[in-house]
Amino acid sequence: MDADEFILTLCELMEQQYDAPLHEKLSMTQEQCHQWLRNLYAKRLTLRDAQQTVEAVLAQKGAIGDQEDMDELLQYI
């Protein structure tokens, strides 16, 4: 699976799970979201591991009220 397939598949899975586009759930532009997912792909995460990472980030997003803190979390991951 190449990076584009990985991103497309992960976005589709997450959209089905959350009934909204992933970039909207993450409060990102689609381009920013795809770049972040490309970085996850570059770390050689499996699709399942990437999905769990996204789920963890979204769970943290609810606890993080500040966009700056969210941006910092995304950079860390």
Protein backbone atom coordinates (compact mmCIF):
# COMPACT_ATOMS: atom_id res chain seq x y z
CA MET A 1 0.00 0.00 0.00
CA ASP A 2 1.48 3.34 -1.00
CA ALA A 3 1.06 6.60 0.93
CA ASP A 4 -1.89 7.82 -1.15
CA GLU A 5 -3.80 4.56 -0.67
CA PHE A 6 -2.98 4.63 3.04
CA ILE A 7 -4.31 8.19 3.41
CA LEU A 8 -7.44 7.54 1.37
CA THR A 9 -8.24 4.31 3.23
CA LEU A 10 -7.63 5.83 6.64
CA CYS A 11 -9.74 8.89 5.83
CA GLU A 12 -12.59 6.67 4.62
CA LEU A 13 -12.43 4.47 7.73
CA MET A 14 -12.43 7.43 10.07
CA GLU A 15 -15.24 9.18 8.19
CA GLN A 16 -17.37 6.05 8.52
CA GLN A 17 -16.56 5.86 12.22
CA TYR A 18 -17.21 9.54 13.02
CA ASP A 19 -19.76 10.48 10.33
CA ALA A 20 -17.64 13.48 9.36
CA PRO A 21 -14.52 14.06 7.28
CA LEU A 22 -11.38 13.44 9.31
CA HIS A 23 -9.87 16.84 8.59
CA GLU A 24 -12.98 18.49 10.03
CA LYS A 25 -12.82 16.34 13.16
CA LEU A 26 -9.18 17.38 13.59
CA SER A 27 -9.94 21.05 12.83
CA MET A 28 -7.46 21.04 9.96
CA THR A 29 -7.53 21.79 6.29
CA GLN A 30 -7.67 18.71 4.12
CA GLU A 31 -4.09 19.39 3.01
CA GLN A 32 -2.84 19.63 6.62
CA CYS A 33 -4.63 16.41 7.50
CA HIS A 34 -3.17 14.55 4.54
CA GLN A 35 0.32 15.81 5.42
CA TRP A 36 -0.08 14.60 9.00
CA LEU A 37 -1.30 11.20 7.78
CA ARG A 38 1.61 11.07 5.33
CA ASN A 39 3.93 11.57 8.33
CA LEU A 40 2.24 8.66 10.10
CA TYR A 41 2.74 6.56 6.97
CA ALA A 42 6.42 7.56 6.90
CA LYS A 43 6.78 6.19 10.43
CA ARG A 44 5.71 2.83 8.99
CA LEU A 45 2.62 2.52 11.15
CA THR A 46 0.17 -0.13 10.11
CA LEU A 47 -3.27 1.06 9.09
CA ARG A 48 -4.66 -0.21 12.40
CA ASP A 49 -1.94 1.56 14.41
CA ALA A 50 -2.59 4.78 12.51
CA GLN A 51 -6.32 4.42 13.14
CA GLN A 52 -5.67 3.97 16.87
CA THR A 53 -3.39 7.02 16.82
CA VAL A 54 -6.11 9.12 15.20
CA GLU A 55 -8.66 7.85 17.72
CA ALA A 56 -6.33 8.78 20.59
CA VAL A 57 -5.77 12.25 19.15
CA LEU A 58 -9.50 12.80 18.76
CA ALA A 59 -10.06 11.66 22.34
CA GLN A 60 -7.40 14.11 23.52
CA LYS A 61 -8.91 16.85 21.36
CA GLY A 62 -11.99 16.76 23.56
CA ALA A 63 -9.82 17.36 26.63
CA ILE A 64 -7.72 20.04 24.94
CA GLY A 65 -9.57 23.29 24.55
CA ASP A 66 -6.74 25.29 23.02
CA GLN A 67 -5.87 24.91 19.33
CA GLU A 68 -2.22 25.70 20.08
CA ASP A 69 -2.04 22.73 22.46
CA MET A 70 -3.70 20.55 19.82
CA ASP A 71 -1.15 21.65 17.22
CA GLU A 72 1.64 20.78 19.65
CA LEU A 73 0.17 17.31 20.22
CA LEU A 74 -0.05 16.68 16.48
CA GLN A 75 3.57 17.74 16.01
CA TYR A 76 4.64 15.40 18.80
CA ILE A 77 2.94 12.43 17.17
